[in-house]
């Protein structure tokens, strides 16, 4: 279960970073600002969570709970946009949130 969560977190980091970069290139950046902010926050929380899991930190359950919240918020925002990068990000976030919720329980 720990390996699955680490993998989901790292996949989410990659999807969020790619989405944020692609959003910055969109012609209507003003519409994408919230998406970029949440992408960056989610990527950072997912990266931290993966590192805490890798080292067997006693804080991993709290990190997983926070990660699930960040992923759910990012998925909700990205899911509103039709861009492929947003849809891929939303899916990675939903998968990560699901695994992190299980780890946090």
PDB file of N, CA and C in Angstrom:
ATOM      1  N   UNK A   1       0.821  -1.195   0.000  1.00  0.00           N
ATOM      2  CA  UNK A   1       0.000   0.000   0.000  1.00  0.00           C
ATOM      3  C   UNK A   1       0.867   1.262   0.000  1.00  0.00           C
ATOM      4  N   UNK A   2       1.988   1.230   0.730  1.00  0.00           N
ATOM      5  CA  UNK A   2       2.873   2.397   0.770  1.00  0.00           C
ATOM      6  C   UNK A   2       3.449   2.666  -0.620  1.00  0.00           C
ATOM      7  N   UNK A   3       3.910   1.617  -1.303  1.00  0.00           N
ATOM      8  CA  UNK A   3       4.484   1.795  -2.644  1.00  0.00           C
ATOM      9  C   UNK A   3       3.440   2.363  -3.602  1.00  0.00           C
ATOM     10  N   UNK A   4       2.214   1.873  -3.512  1.00  0.00           N
ATOM     11  CA  UNK A   4       1.128   2.365  -4.363  1.00  0.00           C
ATOM     12  C   UNK A   4       0.886   3.859  -4.120  1.00  0.00           C
ATOM     13  N   UNK A   5       0.938   4.260  -2.871  1.00  0.00           N
ATOM     14  CA  UNK A   5       0.707   5.661  -2.525  1.00  0.00           C
ATOM     15  C   UNK A   5       1.864   6.536  -3.026  1.00  0.00           C
ATOM     16  N   UNK A   6       3.079   6.072  -2.842  1.00  0.00           N
ATOM     17  CA  UNK A   6       4.240   6.819  -3.350  1.00  0.00           C
ATOM     18  C   UNK A   6       4.123   6.995  -4.858  1.00  0.00           C
ATOM     19  N   UNK A   7       3.814   5.913  -5.559  1.00  0.00           N
ATOM     20  CA  UNK A   7       3.689   5.975  -7.021  1.00  0.00           C
ATOM     21  C   UNK A   7       2.574   6.932  -7.446  1.00  0.00           C
ATOM     22  N   UNK A   8       1.447   6.889  -6.745  1.00  0.00           N
ATOM     23  CA  UNK A   8       0.328   7.783  -7.076  1.00  0.00           C
ATOM     24  C   UNK A   8       0.719   9.240  -6.831  1.00  0.00           C
ATOM     25  N   UNK A   9       1.432   9.486  -5.732  1.00  0.00           N
ATOM     26  CA  UNK A   9       1.879  10.851  -5.427  1.00  0.00           C
ATOM     27  C   UNK A   9       2.841  11.362  -6.493  1.00  0.00           C
ATOM     28  N   UNK A  10       3.781  10.533  -6.894  1.00  0.00           N
ATOM     29  CA  UNK A  10       4.758  10.966  -7.895  1.00  0.00           C
ATOM     30  C   UNK A  10       4.120  11.163  -9.269  1.00  0.00           C
ATOM     31  N   UNK A  11       3.159  10.314  -9.614  1.00  0.00           N
ATOM     32  CA  UNK A  11       2.427  10.494 -10.872  1.00  0.00           C
ATOM     33  C   UNK A  11       1.635  11.792 -10.838  1.00  0.00           C
ATOM     34  N   UNK A  12       1.101  12.124  -9.681  1.00  0.00           N
ATOM     35  CA  UNK A  12       0.333  13.356  -9.536  1.00  0.00           C
ATOM     36  C   UNK A  12       1.243  14.579  -9.627  1.00  0.00           C
ATOM     37  N   UNK A  13       2.426  14.492  -9.037  1.00  0.00           N
ATOM     38  CA  UNK A  13       3.398  15.587  -9.158  1.00  0.00           C
ATOM     39  C   UNK A  13       3.664  15.856 -10.637  1.00  0.00           C
ATOM     40  N   UNK A  14       3.930  14.808 -11.377  1.00  0.00           N
ATOM     41  CA  UNK A  14       4.241  14.952 -12.806  1.00  0.00           C
ATOM     42  C   UNK A  14       3.064  15.565 -13.574  1.00  0.00           C
ATOM     43  N   UNK A  15       1.858  15.073 -13.304  1.00  0.00           N
ATOM     44  CA  UNK A  15       0.671  15.585 -14.003  1.00  0.00           C
ATOM     45  C   UNK A  15       0.399  17.041 -13.646  1.00  0.00           C
ATOM     46  N   UNK A  16       0.558  17.392 -12.376  1.00  0.00           N
ATOM     47  CA  UNK A  16       0.306  18.772 -11.935  1.00  0.00           C
ATOM     48  C   UNK A  16       1.335  19.744 -12.518  1.00  0.00           C
ATOM     49  N   UNK A  17       2.584  19.337 -12.528  1.00  0.00           N
ATOM     50  CA  UNK A  17       3.618  20.208 -13.090  1.00  0.00           C
ATOM     51  C   UNK A  17       3.396  20.413 -14.590  1.00  0.00           C
ATOM     52  N   UNK A  18       3.053  19.334 -15.292  1.00  0.00           N
ATOM     53  CA  UNK A  18       2.788  19.442 -16.732  1.00  0.00           C
ATOM     54  C   UNK A  18       1.571  20.326 -16.992  1.00  0.00           C
ATOM     55  N   UNK A  19       0.556  20.178 -16.176  1.00  0.00           N
ATOM     56  CA  UNK A  19      -0.655  20.979 -16.333  1.00  0.00           C
ATOM     57  C   UNK A  19      -0.369  22.455 -16.086  1.00  0.00           C
ATOM     58  N   UNK A  20       0.345  22.752 -15.010  1.00  0.00           N
ATOM     59  CA  UNK A  20       0.659  24.152 -14.703  1.00  0.00           C
ATOM     60  C   UNK A  20       1.442  24.793 -15.842  1.00  0.00           C
ATOM     61  N   UNK A  21       2.420  24.076 -16.366  1.00  0.00           N
ATOM     62  CA  UNK A  21       3.232  24.599 -17.463  1.00  0.00           C
ATOM     63  C   UNK A  21       2.371  24.834 -18.707  1.00  0.00           C
ATOM     64  N   UNK A  22       1.503  23.870 -19.016  1.00  0.00           N
ATOM     65  CA  UNK A  22       0.630  24.013 -20.184  1.00  0.00           C
ATOM     66  C   UNK A  22      -0.385  25.142 -19.985  1.00  0.00           C
ATOM     67  N   UNK A  23      -0.904  25.281 -18.767  1.00  0.00           N
ATOM     68  CA  UNK A  23      -1.861  26.356 -18.489  1.00  0.00           C
ATOM     69  C   UNK A  23      -1.240  27.732 -18.724  1.00  0.00           C
ATOM     70  N   UNK A  24       0.022  27.862 -18.374  1.00  0.00           N
ATOM     71  CA  UNK A  24       0.696  29.152 -18.554  1.00  0.00           C
ATOM     72  C   UNK A  24       0.832  29.525 -20.022  1.00  0.00           C
ATOM     73  N   UNK A  25       0.723  28.542 -20.903  1.00  0.00           N
ATOM     74  CA  UNK A  25       0.817  28.802 -22.337  1.00  0.00           C
ATOM     75  C   UNK A  25      -0.556  29.006 -22.989  1.00  0.00           C
ATOM     76  N   UNK A  26      -1.609  28.842 -22.221  1.00  0.00           N
ATOM     77  CA  UNK A  26      -2.960  29.015 -22.764  1.00  0.00           C
ATOM     78  C   UNK A  26      -3.222  30.498 -23.063  1.00  0.00           C
ATOM     79  N   UNK A  27      -3.994  30.777 -24.112  1.00  0.00           N
ATOM     80  CA  UNK A  27      -4.223  32.168 -24.501  1.00  0.00           C
ATOM     81  C   UNK A  27      -5.012  32.991 -23.475  1.00  0.00           C
ATOM     82  N   UNK A  28      -5.852  32.346 -22.707  1.00  0.00           N
ATOM     83  CA  UNK A  28      -6.666  33.058 -21.718  1.00  0.00           C
ATOM     84  C   UNK A  28      -6.176  32.711 -20.319  1.00  0.00           C
ATOM     85  N   UNK A  29      -4.996  33.186 -19.988  1.00  0.00           N
ATOM     86  CA  UNK A  29      -4.348  32.860 -18.724  1.00  0.00           C
ATOM     87  C   UNK A  29      -5.180  33.287 -17.522  1.00  0.00           C
ATOM     88  N   UNK A  30      -5.933  34.369 -17.656  1.00  0.00           N
ATOM     89  CA  UNK A  30      -6.731  34.842 -16.526  1.00  0.00           C
ATOM     90  C   UNK A  30      -7.725  33.775 -16.057  1.00  0.00           C
ATOM     91  N   UNK A  31      -8.222  32.956 -16.958  1.00  0.00           N
ATOM     92  CA  UNK A  31      -9.158  31.888 -16.614  1.00  0.00           C
ATOM     93  C   UNK A  31      -8.430  30.726 -15.933  1.00  0.00           C
ATOM     94  N   UNK A  32      -7.128  30.591 -16.197  1.00  0.00           N
ATOM     95  CA  UNK A  32      -6.357  29.440 -15.733  1.00  0.00           C
ATOM     96  C   UNK A  32      -5.592  29.694 -14.434  1.00  0.00           C
ATOM     97  N   UNK A  33      -5.672  30.885 -13.899  1.00  0.00           N
ATOM     98  CA  UNK A  33      -4.864  31.221 -12.708  1.00  0.00           C
ATOM     99  C   UNK A  33      -5.117  30.287 -11.525  1.00  0.00           C
ATOM    100  N   UNK A  34      -6.375  30.034 -11.212  1.00  0.00           N
ATOM    101  CA  UNK A  34      -6.694  29.148 -10.082  1.00  0.00           C
ATOM    102  C   UNK A  34      -6.156  27.744 -10.345  1.00  0.00           C
ATOM    103  N   UNK A  35      -6.229  27.315 -11.579  1.00  0.00           N
ATOM    104  CA  UNK A  35      -5.731  25.992 -11.948  1.00  0.00           C
ATOM    105  C   UNK A  35      -4.221  25.915 -11.705  1.00  0.00           C
ATOM    106  N   UNK A  36      -3.496  26.916 -12.138  1.00  0.00           N
ATOM    107  CA  UNK A  36      -2.043  26.936 -11.952  1.00  0.00           C
ATOM    108  C   UNK A  36      -1.694  26.934 -10.470  1.00  0.00           C
ATOM    109  N   UNK A  37      -2.382  27.757  -9.702  1.00  0.00           N
ATOM    110  CA  UNK A  37      -2.107  27.817  -8.249  1.00  0.00           C
ATOM    111  C   UNK A  37      -2.336  26.462  -7.585  1.00  0.00           C
ATOM    112  N   UNK A  38      -3.466  25.844  -7.885  1.00  0.00           N
ATOM    113  CA  UNK A  38      -3.767  24.543  -7.283  1.00  0.00           C
ATOM    114  C   UNK A  38      -2.830  23.457  -7.793  1.00  0.00           C
ATOM    115  N   UNK A  39      -2.466  23.511  -9.076  1.00  0.00           N
ATOM    116  CA  UNK A  39      -1.484  22.553  -9.616  1.00  0.00           C
ATOM    117  C   UNK A  39      -0.188  22.617  -8.824  1.00  0.00           C
ATOM    118  N   UNK A  40       0.289  23.814  -8.591  1.00  0.00           N
ATOM    119  CA  UNK A  40       1.564  23.986  -7.894  1.00  0.00           C
ATOM    120  C   UNK A  40       1.455  23.546  -6.435  1.00  0.00           C
ATOM    121  N   UNK A  41       0.379  23.918  -5.763  1.00  0.00           N
ATOM    122  CA  UNK A  41       0.186  23.490  -4.375  1.00  0.00           C
ATOM    123  C   UNK A  41       0.095  21.967  -4.291  1.00  0.00           C
ATOM    124  N   UNK A  42      -0.685  21.386  -5.167  1.00  0.00           N
ATOM    125  CA  UNK A  42      -0.878  19.943  -5.159  1.00  0.00           C
ATOM    126  C   UNK A  42       0.439  19.219  -5.441  1.00  0.00           C
ATOM    127  N   UNK A  43       1.193  19.694  -6.410  1.00  0.00           N
ATOM    128  CA  UNK A  43       2.482  19.069  -6.727  1.00  0.00           C
ATOM    129  C   UNK A  43       3.411  19.106  -5.523  1.00  0.00           C
ATOM    130  N   UNK A  44       3.441  20.236  -4.835  1.00  0.00           N
ATOM    131  CA  UNK A  44       4.316  20.353  -3.664  1.00  0.00           C
ATOM    132  C   UNK A  44       3.880  19.421  -2.535  1.00  0.00           C
ATOM    133  N   UNK A  45       2.584  19.362  -2.267  1.00  0.00           N
ATOM    134  CA  UNK A  45       2.086  18.495  -1.197  1.00  0.00           C
ATOM    135  C   UNK A  45       2.315  17.024  -1.552  1.00  0.00           C
ATOM    136  N   UNK A  46       2.085  16.670  -2.809  1.00  0.00           N
ATOM    137  CA  UNK A  46       2.306  15.284  -3.236  1.00  0.00           C
ATOM    138  C   UNK A  46       3.780  14.898  -3.125  1.00  0.00           C
ATOM    139  N   UNK A  47       4.674  15.797  -3.496  1.00  0.00           N
ATOM    140  CA  UNK A  47       6.110  15.518  -3.407  1.00  0.00           C
ATOM    141  C   UNK A  47       6.529  15.322  -1.955  1.00  0.00           C
ATOM    142  N   UNK A  48       6.042  16.190  -1.071  1.00  0.00           N
ATOM    143  CA  UNK A  48       6.349  16.055   0.354  1.00  0.00           C
ATOM    144  C   UNK A  48       5.809  14.734   0.895  1.00  0.00           C
ATOM    145  N   UNK A  49       4.577  14.409   0.533  1.00  0.00           N
ATOM    146  CA  UNK A  49       3.963  13.168   1.017  1.00  0.00           C
ATOM    147  C   UNK A  49       4.768  11.959   0.555  1.00  0.00           C
ATOM    148  N   UNK A  50       5.177  11.950  -0.700  1.00  0.00           N
ATOM    149  CA  UNK A  50       5.981  10.831  -1.213  1.00  0.00           C
ATOM    150  C   UNK A  50       7.280  10.703  -0.428  1.00  0.00           C
ATOM    151  N   UNK A  51       7.937  11.817  -0.155  1.00  0.00           N
ATOM    152  CA  UNK A  51       9.197  11.768   0.603  1.00  0.00           C
ATOM    153  C   UNK A  51       8.986  11.267   2.024  1.00  0.00           C
ATOM    154  N   UNK A  52       7.919  11.716   2.669  1.00  0.00           N
ATOM    155  CA  UNK A  52       7.639  11.253   4.032  1.00  0.00           C
ATOM    156  C   UNK A  52       7.335   9.750   4.044  1.00  0.00           C
ATOM    157  N   UNK A  53       6.624   9.296   3.037  1.00  0.00           N
ATOM    158  CA  UNK A  53       6.343   7.861   2.942  1.00  0.00           C
ATOM    159  C   UNK A  53       7.623   7.067   2.695  1.00  0.00           C
ATOM    160  N   UNK A  54       8.482   7.584   1.846  1.00  0.00           N
ATOM    161  CA  UNK A  54       9.733   6.893   1.531  1.00  0.00           C
ATOM    162  C   UNK A  54      10.611   6.710   2.760  1.00  0.00           C
ATOM    163  N   UNK A  55      10.601   7.702   3.623  1.00  0.00           N
ATOM    164  CA  UNK A  55      11.472   7.620   4.800  1.00  0.00           C
ATOM    165  C   UNK A  55      10.783   7.009   6.007  1.00  0.00           C
ATOM    166  N   UNK A  56       9.521   6.635   5.863  1.00  0.00           N
ATOM    167  CA  UNK A  56       8.801   6.007   6.960  1.00  0.00           C
ATOM    168  C   UNK A  56       8.504   6.967   8.094  1.00  0.00           C
ATOM    169  N   UNK A  57       8.241   8.207   7.762  1.00  0.00           N
ATOM    170  CA  UNK A  57       7.971   9.226   8.767  1.00  0.00           C
ATOM    171  C   UNK A  57       6.706   8.926   9.570  1.00  0.00           C
ATOM    172  N   UNK A  58       6.745   9.277  10.842  1.00  0.00           N
ATOM    173  CA  UNK A  58       5.555   9.162  11.687  1.00  0.00           C
ATOM    174  C   UNK A  58       4.463  10.134  11.263  1.00  0.00           C
ATOM    175  N   UNK A  59       4.788  11.093  10.425  1.00  0.00           N
ATOM    176  CA  UNK A  59       3.813  12.088   9.964  1.00  0.00           C
ATOM    177  C   UNK A  59       3.105  11.683   8.678  1.00  0.00           C
ATOM    178  N   UNK A  60       3.353  10.478   8.204  1.00  0.00           N
ATOM    179  CA  UNK A  60       2.815  10.102   6.889  1.00  0.00           C
ATOM    180  C   UNK A  60       1.284  10.095   6.845  1.00  0.00           C
ATOM    181  N   UNK A  61       0.622   9.744   7.935  1.00  0.00           N
ATOM    182  CA  UNK A  61      -0.844   9.723   7.906  1.00  0.00           C
ATOM    183  C   UNK A  61      -1.420  11.133   7.759  1.00  0.00           C
ATOM    184  N   UNK A  62      -0.840  12.089   8.483  1.00  0.00           N
ATOM    185  CA  UNK A  62      -1.292  13.479   8.362  1.00  0.00           C
ATOM    186  C   UNK A  62      -0.978  14.030   6.970  1.00  0.00           C
ATOM    187  N   UNK A  63       0.189  13.672   6.455  1.00  0.00           N
ATOM    188  CA  UNK A  63       0.568  14.129   5.115  1.00  0.00           C
ATOM    189  C   UNK A  63      -0.387  13.551   4.075  1.00  0.00           C
ATOM    190  N   UNK A  64      -0.742  12.290   4.224  1.00  0.00           N
ATOM    191  CA  UNK A  64      -1.668  11.669   3.277  1.00  0.00           C
ATOM    192  C   UNK A  64      -3.042  12.336   3.325  1.00  0.00           C
ATOM    193  N   UNK A  65      -3.496  12.697   4.513  1.00  0.00           N
ATOM    194  CA  UNK A  65      -4.789  13.381   4.642  1.00  0.00           C
ATOM    195  C   UNK A  65      -4.740  14.738   3.934  1.00  0.00           C
ATOM    196  N   UNK A  66      -3.668  15.492   4.157  1.00  0.00           N
ATOM    197  CA  UNK A  66      -3.511  16.788   3.489  1.00  0.00           C
ATOM    198  C   UNK A  66      -3.389  16.602   1.988  1.00  0.00           C
ATOM    199  N   UNK A  67      -2.647  15.599   1.577  1.00  0.00           N
ATOM    200  CA  UNK A  67      -2.462  15.327   0.156  1.00  0.00           C
ATOM    201  C   UNK A  67      -3.803  15.023  -0.517  1.00  0.00           C
ATOM    202  N   UNK A  68      -4.626  14.227   0.140  1.00  0.00           N
ATOM    203  CA  UNK A  68      -5.940  13.908  -0.417  1.00  0.00           C
ATOM    204  C   UNK A  68      -6.772  15.181  -0.592  1.00  0.00           C
ATOM    205  N   UNK A  69      -6.725  16.079   0.389  1.00  0.00           N
ATOM    206  CA  UNK A  69      -7.457  17.351   0.279  1.00  0.00           C
ATOM    207  C   UNK A  69      -6.949  18.188  -0.883  1.00  0.00           C
ATOM    208  N   UNK A  70      -5.628  18.294  -1.001  1.00  0.00           N
ATOM    209  CA  UNK A  70      -5.038  19.079  -2.090  1.00  0.00           C
ATOM    210  C   UNK A  70      -5.401  18.477  -3.443  1.00  0.00           C
ATOM    211  N   UNK A  71      -5.334  17.157  -3.531  1.00  0.00           N
ATOM    212  CA  UNK A  71      -5.653  16.479  -4.790  1.00  0.00           C
ATOM    213  C   UNK A  71      -7.121  16.649  -5.170  1.00  0.00           C
ATOM    214  N   UNK A  72      -8.005  16.575  -4.182  1.00  0.00           N
ATOM    215  CA  UNK A  72      -9.428  16.744  -4.460  1.00  0.00           C
ATOM    216  C   UNK A  72      -9.729  18.159  -4.947  1.00  0.00           C
ATOM    217  N   UNK A  73      -9.095  19.149  -4.339  1.00  0.00           N
ATOM    218  CA  UNK A  73      -9.298  20.539  -4.768  1.00  0.00           C
ATOM    219  C   UNK A  73      -8.763  20.745  -6.182  1.00  0.00           C
ATOM    220  N   UNK A  74      -7.597  20.201  -6.454  1.00  0.00           N
ATOM    221  CA  UNK A  74      -6.996  20.349  -7.776  1.00  0.00           C
ATOM    222  C   UNK A  74      -7.835  19.619  -8.830  1.00  0.00           C
ATOM    223  N   UNK A  75      -8.297  18.422  -8.505  1.00  0.00           N
ATOM    224  CA  UNK A  75      -9.124  17.665  -9.450  1.00  0.00           C
ATOM    225  C   UNK A  75     -10.420  18.411  -9.772  1.00  0.00           C
ATOM    226  N   UNK A  76     -11.007  19.036  -8.761  1.00  0.00           N
ATOM    227  CA  UNK A  76     -12.249  19.784  -8.984  1.00  0.00           C
ATOM    228  C   UNK A  76     -12.016  20.953  -9.925  1.00  0.00           C
ATOM    229  N   UNK A  77     -10.909  21.676  -9.723  1.00  0.00           N
ATOM    230  CA  UNK A  77     -10.599  22.823 -10.591  1.00  0.00           C
ATOM    231  C   UNK A  77     -10.235  22.362 -11.997  1.00  0.00           C
ATOM    232  N   UNK A  78      -9.306  21.440 -12.095  1.00  0.00           N
ATOM    233  CA  UNK A  78      -8.858  20.988 -13.420  1.00  0.00           C
ATOM    234  C   UNK A  78      -9.993  20.326 -14.196  1.00  0.00           C
ATOM    235  N   UNK A  79     -10.866  19.628 -13.475  1.00  0.00           N
ATOM    236  CA  UNK A  79     -11.982  18.959 -14.122  1.00  0.00           C
ATOM    237  C   UNK A  79     -12.957  19.899 -14.803  1.00  0.00           C
ATOM    238  N   UNK A  80     -12.912  21.174 -14.459  1.00  0.00           N
ATOM    239  CA  UNK A  80     -13.793  22.173 -15.082  1.00  0.00           C
ATOM    240  C   UNK A  80     -13.298  22.613 -16.459  1.00  0.00           C
ATOM    241  N   UNK A  81     -12.031  22.336 -16.751  1.00  0.00           N
ATOM    242  CA  UNK A  81     -11.431  22.794 -18.005  1.00  0.00           C
ATOM    243  C   UNK A  81     -11.354  21.646 -19.003  1.00  0.00           C
ATOM    244  N   UNK A  82     -11.581  21.950 -20.268  1.00  0.00           N
ATOM    245  CA  UNK A  82     -11.625  20.912 -21.299  1.00  0.00           C
ATOM    246  C   UNK A  82     -10.253  20.539 -21.851  1.00  0.00           C
ATOM    247  N   UNK A  83      -9.217  21.273 -21.509  1.00  0.00           N
ATOM    248  CA  UNK A  83      -7.883  20.984 -22.034  1.00  0.00           C
ATOM    249  C   UNK A  83      -7.454  19.575 -21.636  1.00  0.00           C
ATOM    250  N   UNK A  84      -6.776  18.900 -22.557  1.00  0.00           N
ATOM    251  CA  UNK A  84      -6.308  17.539 -22.268  1.00  0.00           C
ATOM    252  C   UNK A  84      -5.422  17.499 -21.025  1.00  0.00           C
ATOM    253  N   UNK A  85      -4.539  18.492 -20.906  1.00  0.00           N
ATOM    254  CA  UNK A  85      -3.629  18.491 -19.759  1.00  0.00           C
ATOM    255  C   UNK A  85      -4.389  18.629 -18.446  1.00  0.00           C
ATOM    256  N   UNK A  86      -5.463  19.392 -18.456  1.00  0.00           N
ATOM    257  CA  UNK A  86      -6.282  19.535 -17.250  1.00  0.00           C
ATOM    258  C   UNK A  86      -7.020  18.239 -16.934  1.00  0.00           C
ATOM    259  N   UNK A  87      -7.536  17.588 -17.951  1.00  0.00           N
ATOM    260  CA  UNK A  87      -8.259  16.335 -17.732  1.00  0.00           C
ATOM    261  C   UNK A  87      -7.320  15.231 -17.232  1.00  0.00           C
ATOM    262  N   UNK A  88      -6.104  15.171 -17.787  1.00  0.00           N
ATOM    263  CA  UNK A  88      -5.113  14.191 -17.306  1.00  0.00           C
ATOM    264  C   UNK A  88      -4.734  14.483 -15.857  1.00  0.00           C
ATOM    265  N   UNK A  89      -4.580  15.743 -15.535  1.00  0.00           N
ATOM    266  CA  UNK A  89      -4.228  16.144 -14.181  1.00  0.00           C
ATOM    267  C   UNK A  89      -5.350  15.794 -13.213  1.00  0.00           C
ATOM    268  N   UNK A  90      -6.574  16.095 -13.589  1.00  0.00           N
ATOM    269  CA  UNK A  90      -7.722  15.793 -12.725  1.00  0.00           C
ATOM    270  C   UNK A  90      -7.789  14.301 -12.431  1.00  0.00           C
ATOM    271  N   UNK A  91      -7.540  13.474 -13.429  1.00  0.00           N
ATOM    272  CA  UNK A  91      -7.585  12.022 -13.225  1.00  0.00           C
ATOM    273  C   UNK A  91      -6.465  11.564 -12.293  1.00  0.00           C
ATOM    274  N   UNK A  92      -5.253  12.068 -12.486  1.00  0.00           N
ATOM    275  CA  UNK A  92      -4.129  11.713 -11.604  1.00  0.00           C
ATOM    276  C   UNK A  92      -4.424  12.161 -10.174  1.00  0.00           C
ATOM    277  N   UNK A  93      -5.016  13.327 -10.029  1.00  0.00           N
ATOM    278  CA  UNK A  93      -5.365  13.835  -8.698  1.00  0.00           C
ATOM    279  C   UNK A  93      -6.421  12.971  -8.023  1.00  0.00           C
ATOM    280  N   UNK A  94      -7.428  12.562  -8.775  1.00  0.00           N
ATOM    281  CA  UNK A  94      -8.470  11.707  -8.200  1.00  0.00           C
ATOM    282  C   UNK A  94      -7.889  10.371  -7.744  1.00  0.00           C
ATOM    283  N   UNK A  95      -7.014   9.790  -8.557  1.00  0.00           N
ATOM    284  CA  UNK A  95      -6.394   8.511  -8.186  1.00  0.00           C
ATOM    285  C   UNK A  95      -5.531   8.669  -6.942  1.00  0.00           C
ATOM    286  N   UNK A  96      -4.755   9.739  -6.886  1.00  0.00           N
ATOM    287  CA  UNK A  96      -3.889   9.979  -5.743  1.00  0.00           C
ATOM    288  C   UNK A  96      -4.721  10.220  -4.484  1.00  0.00           C
ATOM    289  N   UNK A  97      -5.773  10.994  -4.601  1.00  0.00           N
ATOM    290  CA  UNK A  97      -6.638  11.274  -3.452  1.00  0.00           C
ATOM    291  C   UNK A  97      -7.220   9.980  -2.887  1.00  0.00           C
ATOM    292  N   UNK A  98      -7.641   9.096  -3.762  1.00  0.00           N
ATOM    293  CA  UNK A  98      -8.239   7.830  -3.320  1.00  0.00           C
ATOM    294  C   UNK A  98      -7.233   6.993  -2.521  1.00  0.00           C
ATOM    295  N   UNK A  99      -6.031   6.874  -3.042  1.00  0.00           N
ATOM    296  CA  UNK A  99      -5.008   6.068  -2.362  1.00  0.00           C
ATOM    297  C   UNK A  99      -4.578   6.746  -1.047  1.00  0.00           C
ATOM    298  N   UNK A 100      -4.425   8.062  -1.078  1.00  0.00           N
ATOM    299  CA  UNK A 100      -4.024   8.777   0.131  1.00  0.00           C
ATOM    300  C   UNK A 100      -5.087   8.697   1.219  1.00  0.00           C
ATOM    301  N   UNK A 101      -6.350   8.745   0.854  1.00  0.00           N
ATOM    302  CA  UNK A 101      -7.432   8.610   1.844  1.00  0.00           C
ATOM    303  C   UNK A 101      -7.323   7.266   2.560  1.00  0.00           C
ATOM    304  N   UNK A 102      -7.021   6.219   1.801  1.00  0.00           N
ATOM    305  CA  UNK A 102      -6.873   4.890   2.398  1.00  0.00           C
ATOM    306  C   UNK A 102      -5.679   4.862   3.365  1.00  0.00           C
ATOM    307  N   UNK A 103      -4.590   5.493   2.969  1.00  0.00           N
ATOM    308  CA  UNK A 103      -3.392   5.523   3.819  1.00  0.00           C
ATOM    309  C   UNK A 103      -3.633   6.332   5.085  1.00  0.00           C
ATOM    310  N   UNK A 104      -4.441   7.365   4.995  1.00  0.00           N
ATOM    311  CA  UNK A 104      -4.687   8.246   6.131  1.00  0.00           C
ATOM    312  C   UNK A 104      -5.655   7.640   7.148  1.00  0.00           C
ATOM    313  N   UNK A 105      -6.400   6.644   6.707  1.00  0.00           N
ATOM    314  CA  UNK A 105      -7.432   6.042   7.577  1.00  0.00           C
ATOM    315  C   UNK A 105      -6.817   5.182   8.683  1.00  0.00           C
TER     316      UNK A 105
END
